[in-house]
All heavy atoms as atom14 arrays in JSON, in Angstrom:
{
  "sequence": "YWFVFTQVFQRSVGNEPYIVFLLAALLPWMWFNGAISDCTRAFLRE",
  "atom14_mask": [
    [1, 1, 1, 1, 1, 1, 1, 1, 1, 1, 1, 1, 0, 0],
    [1, 1, 1, 1, 1, 1, 1, 1, 1, 1, 1, 1, 1, 1],
    [1, 1, 1, 1, 1, 1, 1, 1, 1, 1, 1, 0, 0, 0],
    [1, 1, 1, 1, 1, 1, 1, 0, 0, 0, 0, 0, 0, 0],
    [1, 1, 1, 1, 1, 1, 1, 1, 1, 1, 1, 0, 0, 0],
    [1, 1, 1, 1, 1, 1, 1, 0, 0, 0, 0, 0, 0, 0],
    [1, 1, 1, 1, 1, 1, 1, 1, 1, 0, 0, 0, 0, 0],
    [1, 1, 1, 1, 1, 1, 1, 0, 0, 0, 0, 0, 0, 0],
    [1, 1, 1, 1, 1, 1, 1, 1, 1, 1, 1, 0, 0, 0],
    [1, 1, 1, 1, 1, 1, 1, 1, 1, 0, 0, 0, 0, 0],
    [1, 1, 1, 1, 1, 1, 1, 1, 1, 1, 1, 0, 0, 0],
    [1, 1, 1, 1, 1, 1, 0, 0, 0, 0, 0, 0, 0, 0],
    [1, 1, 1, 1, 1, 1, 1, 0, 0, 0, 0, 0, 0, 0],
    [1, 1, 1, 1, 0, 0, 0, 0, 0, 0, 0, 0, 0, 0],
    [1, 1, 1, 1, 1, 1, 1, 1, 0, 0, 0, 0, 0, 0],
    [1, 1, 1, 1, 1, 1, 1, 1, 1, 0, 0, 0, 0, 0],
    [1, 1, 1, 1, 1, 1, 1, 0, 0, 0, 0, 0, 0, 0],
    [1, 1, 1, 1, 1, 1, 1, 1, 1, 1, 1, 1, 0, 0],
    [1, 1, 1, 1, 1, 1, 1, 1, 0, 0, 0, 0, 0, 0],
    [1, 1, 1, 1, 1, 1, 1, 0, 0, 0, 0, 0, 0, 0],
    [1, 1, 1, 1, 1, 1, 1, 1, 1, 1, 1, 0, 0, 0],
    [1, 1, 1, 1, 1, 1, 1, 1, 0, 0, 0, 0, 0, 0],
    [1, 1, 1, 1, 1, 1, 1, 1, 0, 0, 0, 0, 0, 0],
    [1, 1, 1, 1, 1, 0, 0, 0, 0, 0, 0, 0, 0, 0],
    [1, 1, 1, 1, 1, 0, 0, 0, 0, 0, 0, 0, 0, 0],
    [1, 1, 1, 1, 1, 1, 1, 1, 0, 0, 0, 0, 0, 0],
    [1, 1, 1, 1, 1, 1, 1, 1, 0, 0, 0, 0, 0, 0],
    [1, 1, 1, 1, 1, 1, 1, 0, 0, 0, 0, 0, 0, 0],
    [1, 1, 1, 1, 1, 1, 1, 1, 1, 1, 1, 1, 1, 1],
    [1, 1, 1, 1, 1, 1, 1, 1, 0, 0, 0, 0, 0, 0],
    [1, 1, 1, 1, 1, 1, 1, 1, 1, 1, 1, 1, 1, 1],
    [1, 1, 1, 1, 1, 1, 1, 1, 1, 1, 1, 0, 0, 0],
    [1, 1, 1, 1, 1, 1, 1, 1, 0, 0, 0, 0, 0, 0],
    [1, 1, 1, 1, 0, 0, 0, 0, 0, 0, 0, 0, 0, 0],
    [1, 1, 1, 1, 1, 0, 0, 0, 0, 0, 0, 0, 0, 0],
    [1, 1, 1, 1, 1, 1, 1, 1, 0, 0, 0, 0, 0, 0],
    [1, 1, 1, 1, 1, 1, 0, 0, 0, 0, 0, 0, 0, 0],
    [1, 1, 1, 1, 1, 1, 1, 1, 0, 0, 0, 0, 0, 0],
    [1, 1, 1, 1, 1, 1, 0, 0, 0, 0, 0, 0, 0, 0],
    [1, 1, 1, 1, 1, 1, 1, 0, 0, 0, 0, 0, 0, 0],
    [1, 1, 1, 1, 1, 1, 1, 1, 1, 1, 1, 0, 0, 0],
    [1, 1, 1, 1, 1, 0, 0, 0, 0, 0, 0, 0, 0, 0],
    [1, 1, 1, 1, 1, 1, 1, 1, 1, 1, 1, 0, 0, 0],
    [1, 1, 1, 1, 1, 1, 1, 1, 0, 0, 0, 0, 0, 0],
    [1, 1, 1, 1, 1, 1, 1, 1, 1, 1, 1, 0, 0, 0],
    [1, 1, 1, 1, 1, 1, 1, 1, 1, 0, 0, 0, 0, 0]
  ],
  "atom14_positions": [
    [[-18.89, -32.82, -31.18], [-19.11, -32.95, -29.74], [-17.83, -32.65, -28.96], [-17.87, -32.07, -27.87], [-19.63, -34.35, -29.4], [-21.08, -34.53, -29.75], [-21.48, -35.38, -30.77], [-22.07, -33.82, -29.08], [-22.82, -35.53, -31.11], [-23.41, -33.96, -29.41], [-23.78, -34.82, -30.43], [-25.1, -34.96, -30.76], [0.0, 0.0, 0.0], [0.0, 0.0, 0.0]],
    [[-16.7, -33.05, -29.5], [-15.42, -32.73, -28.85], [-15.23, -31.23, -28.77], [-14.85, -30.7, -27.72], [-14.26, -33.36, -29.63], [-12.91, -32.92, -29.1], [-12.22, -33.48, -28.07], [-12.13, -31.83, -29.59], [-11.04, -32.8, -27.88], [-10.96, -31.78, -28.8], [-12.29, -30.89, -30.61], [-9.98, -30.82, -28.99], [-11.32, -29.93, -30.8], [-10.16, -29.9, -29.99]],
    [[-15.52, -30.52, -29.85], [-15.35, -29.06, -29.88], [-16.3, -28.38, -28.9], [-15.92, -27.49, -28.13], [-15.59, -28.54, -31.3], [-15.47, -27.04, -31.41], [-14.22, -26.44, -31.46], [-16.61, -26.24, -31.47], [-14.11, -25.05, -31.55], [-16.5, -24.86, -31.58], [-15.25, -24.27, -31.61], [0.0, 0.0, 0.0], [0.0, 0.0, 0.0], [0.0, 0.0, 0.0]],
    [[-17.58, -28.82, -28.92], [-18.59, -28.19, -28.06], [-18.26, -28.39, -26.58], [-18.32, -27.46, -25.78], [-19.99, -28.75, -28.39], [-21.01, -28.3, -27.33], [-20.44, -28.29, -29.77], [0.0, 0.0, 0.0], [0.0, 0.0, 0.0], [0.0, 0.0, 0.0], [0.0, 0.0, 0.0], [0.0, 0.0, 0.0], [0.0, 0.0, 0.0], [0.0, 0.0, 0.0]],
    [[-17.87, -29.63, -26.23], [-17.71, -29.95, -24.81], [-16.3, -29.69, -24.28], [-16.08, -29.79, -23.07], [-18.09, -31.41, -24.55], [-19.57, -31.65, -24.61], [-20.15, -32.27, -25.71], [-20.4, -31.24, -23.58], [-21.51, -32.49, -25.76], [-21.77, -31.45, -23.62], [-22.33, -32.08, -24.72], [0.0, 0.0, 0.0], [0.0, 0.0, 0.0], [0.0, 0.0, 0.0]],
    [[-15.35, -29.37, -25.16], [-14.01, -29.07, -24.66], [-13.57, -27.65, -24.96], [-12.75, -27.09, -24.22], [-12.96, -30.04, -25.27], [-12.93, -29.87, -26.69], [-13.29, -31.49, -24.92], [0.0, 0.0, 0.0], [0.0, 0.0, 0.0], [0.0, 0.0, 0.0], [0.0, 0.0, 0.0], [0.0, 0.0, 0.0], [0.0, 0.0, 0.0], [0.0, 0.0, 0.0]],
    [[-14.1, -27.05, -26.02], [-13.67, -25.71, -26.41], [-14.71, -24.63, -26.12], [-14.36, -23.48, -25.89], [-13.32, -25.69, -27.91], [-12.33, -26.73, -28.34], [-11.01, -26.63, -27.61], [-10.43, -25.55, -27.53], [-10.51, -27.75, -27.08], [0.0, 0.0, 0.0], [0.0, 0.0, 0.0], [0.0, 0.0, 0.0], [0.0, 0.0, 0.0], [0.0, 0.0, 0.0]],
    [[-15.99, -25.0, -26.17], [-17.06, -24.01, -25.97], [-17.55, -24.02, -24.53], [-17.62, -22.97, -23.88], [-18.23, -24.28, -26.94], [-19.35, -23.26, -26.7], [-17.76, -24.22, -28.39], [0.0, 0.0, 0.0], [0.0, 0.0, 0.0], [0.0, 0.0, 0.0], [0.0, 0.0, 0.0], [0.0, 0.0, 0.0], [0.0, 0.0, 0.0], [0.0, 0.0, 0.0]],
    [[-17.89, -25.21, -24.02], [-18.4, -25.33, -22.66], [-17.39, -26.03, -21.77], [-16.55, -26.8, -22.25], [-19.72, -26.11, -22.65], [-20.82, -25.45, -23.43], [-21.27, -26.01, -24.62], [-21.4, -24.28, -22.97], [-22.28, -25.41, -25.34], [-22.42, -23.67, -23.69], [-22.85, -24.23, -24.88], [0.0, 0.0, 0.0], [0.0, 0.0, 0.0], [0.0, 0.0, 0.0]],
    [[-17.52, -25.77, -20.49], [-16.69, -26.46, -19.51], [-17.28, -27.84, -19.27], [-18.33, -27.99, -18.67], [-16.64, -25.68, -18.19], [-15.69, -26.25, -17.16], [-14.23, -26.14, -17.59], [-13.85, -25.2, -18.28], [-13.42, -27.11, -17.19], [0.0, 0.0, 0.0], [0.0, 0.0, 0.0], [0.0, 0.0, 0.0], [0.0, 0.0, 0.0], [0.0, 0.0, 0.0]],
    [[-16.62, -28.87, -19.76], [-17.15, -30.22, -19.69], [-16.98, -30.8, -18.3], [-15.93, -30.68, -17.68], [-16.43, -31.1, -20.72], [-16.83, -32.57, -20.7], [-16.12, -33.31, -21.82], [-14.69, -33.15, -21.76], [-13.88, -33.9, -21.02], [-14.37, -34.85, -20.27], [-12.58, -33.68, -21.02], [0.0, 0.0, 0.0], [0.0, 0.0, 0.0], [0.0, 0.0, 0.0]],
    [[-18.06, -31.46, -17.82], [-18.0, -32.12, -16.52], [-18.3, -33.61, -16.62], [-18.52, -34.27, -15.61], [-18.99, -31.46, -15.55], [-20.3, -31.55, -16.06], [0.0, 0.0, 0.0], [0.0, 0.0, 0.0], [0.0, 0.0, 0.0], [0.0, 0.0, 0.0], [0.0, 0.0, 0.0], [0.0, 0.0, 0.0], [0.0, 0.0, 0.0], [0.0, 0.0, 0.0]],
    [[-18.37, -34.14, -17.84], [-18.67, -35.55, -18.04], [-17.56, -36.2, -18.86], [-16.78, -35.52, -19.52], [-20.02, -35.75, -18.76], [-21.16, -35.23, -17.92], [-20.01, -35.06, -20.14], [0.0, 0.0, 0.0], [0.0, 0.0, 0.0], [0.0, 0.0, 0.0], [0.0, 0.0, 0.0], [0.0, 0.0, 0.0], [0.0, 0.0, 0.0], [0.0, 0.0, 0.0]],
    [[-17.52, -37.53, -18.81], [-16.55, -38.26, -19.62], [-15.17, -38.28, -19.0], [-14.94, -37.83, -17.88], [0.0, 0.0, 0.0], [0.0, 0.0, 0.0], [0.0, 0.0, 0.0], [0.0, 0.0, 0.0], [0.0, 0.0, 0.0], [0.0, 0.0, 0.0], [0.0, 0.0, 0.0], [0.0, 0.0, 0.0], [0.0, 0.0, 0.0], [0.0, 0.0, 0.0]],
    [[-14.23, -38.86, -19.74], [-12.85, -38.98, -19.28], [-11.91, -38.47, -20.36], [-12.28, -38.31, -21.53], [-12.52, -40.45, -18.98], [-13.29, -40.97, -17.77], [-13.08, -40.54, -16.65], [-14.2, -41.9, -18.01], [0.0, 0.0, 0.0], [0.0, 0.0, 0.0], [0.0, 0.0, 0.0], [0.0, 0.0, 0.0], [0.0, 0.0, 0.0], [0.0, 0.0, 0.0]],
    [[-10.69, -38.21, -19.95], [-9.65, -37.78, -20.89], [-8.83, -38.98, -21.35], [-8.53, -39.87, -20.54], [-8.73, -36.74, -20.23], [-9.39, -35.42, -19.94], [-9.77, -34.65, -21.2], [-9.27, -35.02, -22.29], [-10.57, -33.71, -21.1], [0.0, 0.0, 0.0], [0.0, 0.0, 0.0], [0.0, 0.0, 0.0], [0.0, 0.0, 0.0], [0.0, 0.0, 0.0]],
    [[-8.46, -39.03, -22.64], [-8.78, -38.07, -23.7], [-10.23, -38.22, -24.18], [-10.66, -39.35, -24.48], [-7.78, -38.43, -24.81], [-7.42, -39.85, -24.55], [-7.53, -40.08, -23.08], [0.0, 0.0, 0.0], [0.0, 0.0, 0.0], [0.0, 0.0, 0.0], [0.0, 0.0, 0.0], [0.0, 0.0, 0.0], [0.0, 0.0, 0.0], [0.0, 0.0, 0.0]],
    [[-10.93, -37.09, -24.22], [-12.37, -37.13, -24.47], [-12.7, -37.63, -25.87], [-13.73, -38.28, -26.07], [-12.95, -35.73, -24.25], [-14.47, -35.7, -24.3], [-15.22, -36.46, -23.41], [-15.14, -34.93, -25.25], [-16.61, -36.44, -23.44], [-16.52, -34.89, -25.28], [-17.25, -35.66, -24.39], [-18.63, -35.64, -24.43], [0.0, 0.0, 0.0], [0.0, 0.0, 0.0]],
    [[-11.86, -37.36, -26.85], [-12.14, -37.81, -28.22], [-12.14, -39.34, -28.29], [-12.96, -39.94, -28.99], [-11.11, -37.21, -29.23], [-11.52, -37.5, -30.67], [-9.7, -37.72, -28.95], [-12.77, -36.79, -31.11], [0.0, 0.0, 0.0], [0.0, 0.0, 0.0], [0.0, 0.0, 0.0], [0.0, 0.0, 0.0], [0.0, 0.0, 0.0], [0.0, 0.0, 0.0]],
    [[-11.27, -39.98, -27.52], [-11.25, -41.45, -27.45], [-12.48, -41.95, -26.71], [-13.11, -42.94, -27.11], [-9.95, -41.95, -26.78], [-9.98, -43.46, -26.59], [-8.74, -41.54, -27.6], [0.0, 0.0, 0.0], [0.0, 0.0, 0.0], [0.0, 0.0, 0.0], [0.0, 0.0, 0.0], [0.0, 0.0, 0.0], [0.0, 0.0, 0.0], [0.0, 0.0, 0.0]],
    [[-12.82, -41.26, -25.63], [-14.02, -41.6, -24.85], [-15.26, -41.54, -25.75], [-16.12, -42.42, -25.7], [-14.15, -40.61, -23.69], [-15.31, -40.87, -22.78], [-15.2, -41.77, -21.73], [-16.51, -40.21, -22.97], [-16.28, -42.01, -20.88], [-17.6, -40.43, -22.13], [-17.48, -41.33, -21.08], [0.0, 0.0, 0.0], [0.0, 0.0, 0.0], [0.0, 0.0, 0.0]],
    [[-15.35, -40.5, -26.58], [-16.49, -40.34, -27.49], [-16.53, -41.44, -28.54], [-17.55, -42.1, -28.73], [-16.39, -38.98, -28.2], [-17.16, -37.8, -27.63], [-16.85, -36.55, -28.44], [-18.66, -38.07, -27.62], [0.0, 0.0, 0.0], [0.0, 0.0, 0.0], [0.0, 0.0, 0.0], [0.0, 0.0, 0.0], [0.0, 0.0, 0.0], [0.0, 0.0, 0.0]],
    [[-15.42, -41.63, -29.23], [-15.39, -42.58, -30.34], [-15.63, -44.01, -29.89], [-16.23, -44.8, -30.64], [-14.04, -42.49, -31.07], [-13.85, -41.27, -31.97], [-12.41, -41.19, -32.46], [-14.8, -41.33, -33.17], [0.0, 0.0, 0.0], [0.0, 0.0, 0.0], [0.0, 0.0, 0.0], [0.0, 0.0, 0.0], [0.0, 0.0, 0.0], [0.0, 0.0, 0.0]],
    [[-15.23, -44.35, -28.68], [-15.41, -45.72, -28.18], [-16.88, -46.11, -28.08], [-17.22, -47.29, -28.13], [-14.73, -45.89, -26.83], [0.0, 0.0, 0.0], [0.0, 0.0, 0.0], [0.0, 0.0, 0.0], [0.0, 0.0, 0.0], [0.0, 0.0, 0.0], [0.0, 0.0, 0.0], [0.0, 0.0, 0.0], [0.0, 0.0, 0.0], [0.0, 0.0, 0.0]],
    [[-17.77, -45.11, -27.95], [-19.2, -45.39, -27.93], [-19.88, -44.94, -29.21], [-20.88, -45.54, -29.63], [-19.85, -44.68, -26.73], [0.0, 0.0, 0.0], [0.0, 0.0, 0.0], [0.0, 0.0, 0.0], [0.0, 0.0, 0.0], [0.0, 0.0, 0.0], [0.0, 0.0, 0.0], [0.0, 0.0, 0.0], [0.0, 0.0, 0.0], [0.0, 0.0, 0.0]],
    [[-19.35, -43.9, -29.85], [-20.0, -43.36, -31.05], [-19.9, -44.31, -32.23], [-20.86, -44.47, -33.01], [-19.37, -42.01, -31.4], [-20.11, -41.16, -32.43], [-21.54, -40.89, -31.99], [-19.37, -39.84, -32.65], [0.0, 0.0, 0.0], [0.0, 0.0, 0.0], [0.0, 0.0, 0.0], [0.0, 0.0, 0.0], [0.0, 0.0, 0.0], [0.0, 0.0, 0.0]],
    [[-18.78, -44.98, -32.37], [-18.62, -45.92, -33.49], [-19.6, -47.09, -33.39], [-20.29, -47.41, -34.37], [-17.17, -46.42, -33.57], [-16.13, -45.38, -33.99], [-14.73, -45.99, -33.97], [-16.43, -44.82, -35.38], [0.0, 0.0, 0.0], [0.0, 0.0, 0.0], [0.0, 0.0, 0.0], [0.0, 0.0, 0.0], [0.0, 0.0, 0.0], [0.0, 0.0, 0.0]],
    [[-19.72, -47.77, -32.24], [-20.73, -48.83, -32.15], [-22.16, -48.29, -32.24], [-23.06, -48.99, -32.72], [-20.47, -49.49, -30.79], [-19.62, -48.53, -30.04], [-18.85, -47.77, -31.04], [0.0, 0.0, 0.0], [0.0, 0.0, 0.0], [0.0, 0.0, 0.0], [0.0, 0.0, 0.0], [0.0, 0.0, 0.0], [0.0, 0.0, 0.0], [0.0, 0.0, 0.0]],
    [[-22.38, -47.05, -31.8], [-23.72, -46.46, -31.95], [-24.09, -46.34, -33.43], [-25.23, -46.61, -33.82], [-23.8, -45.09, -31.3], [-25.01, -44.31, -31.75], [-25.04, -43.31, -32.66], [-26.38, -44.54, -31.37], [-26.34, -42.88, -32.86], [-27.17, -43.61, -32.09], [-26.99, -45.43, -30.49], [-28.55, -43.56, -31.94], [-28.38, -45.37, -30.35], [-29.13, -44.45, -31.06]],
    [[-23.12, -45.95, -34.26], [-23.38, -45.82, -35.69], [-23.76, -47.17, -36.31], [-24.58, -47.24, -37.22], [-22.16, -45.23, -36.4], [-21.75, -43.85, -35.94], [-23.05, -42.61, -36.12], [-23.14, -42.47, -37.89], [0.0, 0.0, 0.0], [0.0, 0.0, 0.0], [0.0, 0.0, 0.0], [0.0, 0.0, 0.0], [0.0, 0.0, 0.0], [0.0, 0.0, 0.0]],
    [[-23.16, -48.24, -35.8], [-23.54, -49.59, -36.25], [-24.99, -49.88, -35.89], [-25.79, -50.26, -36.77], [-22.59, -50.6, -35.6], [-22.96, -52.05, -35.81], [-23.85, -52.56, -36.71], [-22.43, -53.18, -35.09], [-23.91, -53.94, -36.61], [-23.06, -54.33, -35.63], [-21.5, -53.32, -34.06], [-22.77, -55.61, -35.15], [-21.21, -54.6, -33.6], [-21.84, -55.73, -34.14]],
    [[-25.35, -49.67, -34.63], [-26.71, -49.95, -34.18], [-27.72, -49.05, -34.9], [-28.72, -49.54, -35.44], [-26.8, -49.73, -32.67], [-28.17, -49.97, -32.09], [-28.6, -51.26, -31.82], [-29.03, -48.91, -31.82], [-29.86, -51.5, -31.29], [-30.29, -49.13, -31.29], [-30.71, -50.42, -31.02], [0.0, 0.0, 0.0], [0.0, 0.0, 0.0], [0.0, 0.0, 0.0]],
    [[-27.46, -47.78, -34.94], [-28.37, -46.81, -35.55], [-28.55, -47.08, -37.05], [-29.68, -47.08, -37.56], [-27.83, -45.39, -35.34], [-28.71, -44.34, -35.95], [-29.8, -44.05, -35.49], [-28.23, -43.74, -37.04], [0.0, 0.0, 0.0], [0.0, 0.0, 0.0], [0.0, 0.0, 0.0], [0.0, 0.0, 0.0], [0.0, 0.0, 0.0], [0.0, 0.0, 0.0]],
    [[-27.44, -47.34, -37.74], [-27.52, -47.59, -39.18], [-28.26, -48.87, -39.51], [-29.08, -48.9, -40.44], [0.0, 0.0, 0.0], [0.0, 0.0, 0.0], [0.0, 0.0, 0.0], [0.0, 0.0, 0.0], [0.0, 0.0, 0.0], [0.0, 0.0, 0.0], [0.0, 0.0, 0.0], [0.0, 0.0, 0.0], [0.0, 0.0, 0.0], [0.0, 0.0, 0.0]],
    [[-28.01, -49.93, -38.75], [-28.66, -51.22, -39.02], [-30.17, -51.14, -38.75], [-30.97, -51.61, -39.57], [-28.03, -52.31, -38.16], [0.0, 0.0, 0.0], [0.0, 0.0, 0.0], [0.0, 0.0, 0.0], [0.0, 0.0, 0.0], [0.0, 0.0, 0.0], [0.0, 0.0, 0.0], [0.0, 0.0, 0.0], [0.0, 0.0, 0.0], [0.0, 0.0, 0.0]],
    [[-30.56, -50.54, -37.63], [-31.99, -50.46, -37.3], [-32.71, -49.54, -38.29], [-33.84, -49.83, -38.71], [-32.2, -49.97, -35.86], [-31.53, -50.93, -34.87], [-33.68, -49.84, -35.54], [-31.96, -52.38, -35.02], [0.0, 0.0, 0.0], [0.0, 0.0, 0.0], [0.0, 0.0, 0.0], [0.0, 0.0, 0.0], [0.0, 0.0, 0.0], [0.0, 0.0, 0.0]],
    [[-32.09, -48.45, -38.67], [-32.69, -47.55, -39.67], [-32.92, -48.27, -40.98], [-33.98, -48.14, -41.61], [-31.8, -46.32, -39.88], [-31.7, -45.55, -38.71], [0.0, 0.0, 0.0], [0.0, 0.0, 0.0], [0.0, 0.0, 0.0], [0.0, 0.0, 0.0], [0.0, 0.0, 0.0], [0.0, 0.0, 0.0], [0.0, 0.0, 0.0], [0.0, 0.0, 0.0]],
    [[-31.92, -49.04, -41.42], [-32.06, -49.79, -42.68], [-33.08, -50.91, -42.56], [-33.73, -51.28, -43.54], [-30.7, -50.36, -43.09], [-29.77, -49.3, -43.66], [-30.22, -48.14, -43.82], [-28.6, -49.62, -43.94], [0.0, 0.0, 0.0], [0.0, 0.0, 0.0], [0.0, 0.0, 0.0], [0.0, 0.0, 0.0], [0.0, 0.0, 0.0], [0.0, 0.0, 0.0]],
    [[-33.23, -51.47, -41.36], [-34.2, -52.56, -41.16], [-35.64, -52.08, -41.39], [-36.52, -52.89, -41.7], [-34.07, -53.15, -39.76], [-32.69, -54.32, -39.59], [0.0, 0.0, 0.0], [0.0, 0.0, 0.0], [0.0, 0.0, 0.0], [0.0, 0.0, 0.0], [0.0, 0.0, 0.0], [0.0, 0.0, 0.0], [0.0, 0.0, 0.0], [0.0, 0.0, 0.0]],
    [[-35.89, -50.79, -41.22], [-37.24, -50.28, -41.44], [-37.64, -50.38, -42.92], [-38.82, -50.3, -43.24], [-37.37, -48.81, -40.98], [-36.45, -48.0, -41.74], [-37.07, -48.67, -39.5], [0.0, 0.0, 0.0], [0.0, 0.0, 0.0], [0.0, 0.0, 0.0], [0.0, 0.0, 0.0], [0.0, 0.0, 0.0], [0.0, 0.0, 0.0], [0.0, 0.0, 0.0]],
    [[-36.64, -50.56, -43.79], [-36.92, -50.69, -45.23], [-36.45, -52.03, -45.78], [-36.37, -52.22, -47.0], [-36.23, -49.55, -46.0], [-36.65, -48.17, -45.55], [-35.96, -47.07, -46.34], [-34.51, -47.07, -46.09], [-33.92, -46.45, -45.08], [-34.66, -45.82, -44.19], [-32.61, -46.48, -44.92], [0.0, 0.0, 0.0], [0.0, 0.0, 0.0], [0.0, 0.0, 0.0]],
    [[-36.12, -52.97, -44.89], [-35.53, -54.24, -45.31], [-36.41, -55.02, -46.27], [-35.93, -55.57, -47.26], [-35.21, -55.09, -44.07], [0.0, 0.0, 0.0], [0.0, 0.0, 0.0], [0.0, 0.0, 0.0], [0.0, 0.0, 0.0], [0.0, 0.0, 0.0], [0.0, 0.0, 0.0], [0.0, 0.0, 0.0], [0.0, 0.0, 0.0], [0.0, 0.0, 0.0]],
    [[-37.72, -55.09, -46.02], [-38.63, -55.86, -46.86], [-39.23, -55.03, -47.99], [-39.51, -55.55, -49.06], [-39.75, -56.46, -46.02], [-39.28, -57.53, -45.09], [-39.57, -57.48, -43.74], [-38.52, -58.59, -45.55], [-39.14, -58.47, -42.87], [-38.08, -59.58, -44.7], [-38.39, -59.52, -43.36], [0.0, 0.0, 0.0], [0.0, 0.0, 0.0], [0.0, 0.0, 0.0]],
    [[-39.42, -53.76, -47.76], [-40.04, -52.91, -48.77], [-39.09, -52.65, -49.94], [-39.51, -52.58, -51.09], [-40.47, -51.58, -48.14], [-41.46, -51.71, -46.98], [-41.73, -50.34, -46.35], [-42.77, -52.35, -47.45], [0.0, 0.0, 0.0], [0.0, 0.0, 0.0], [0.0, 0.0, 0.0], [0.0, 0.0, 0.0], [0.0, 0.0, 0.0], [0.0, 0.0, 0.0]],
    [[-37.8, -52.54, -49.64], [-36.82, -52.22, -50.68], [-36.54, -53.43, -51.58], [-36.28, -53.28, -52.77], [-35.53, -51.74, -50.03], [-34.44, -51.35, -51.01], [-33.18, -50.94, -50.27], [-33.38, -49.73, -49.5], [-32.5, -49.23, -48.64], [-31.37, -49.87, -48.42], [-32.75, -48.12, -47.97], [0.0, 0.0, 0.0], [0.0, 0.0, 0.0], [0.0, 0.0, 0.0]],
    [[-36.6, -54.63, -51.02], [-36.23, -55.84, -51.77], [-37.44, -56.74, -51.99], [-37.32, -57.96, -52.05], [-35.15, -56.61, -51.01], [-33.9, -55.81, -50.68], [-32.94, -55.73, -51.85], [-33.29, -56.25, -52.93], [-31.85, -55.17, -51.68], [0.0, 0.0, 0.0], [0.0, 0.0, 0.0], [0.0, 0.0, 0.0], [0.0, 0.0, 0.0], [0.0, 0.0, 0.0]]
  ]
}
């Protein structure tokens, strides 16, 4: 996303430094996304 929005397209969203802006939300998103995805198999797997 950093490459696409800073090197390919002219970015008009977010703040600088954009990589920090991205990671500050992307890391907690991975927590939420990973936990909910795994919850769909929480009872079936065990």
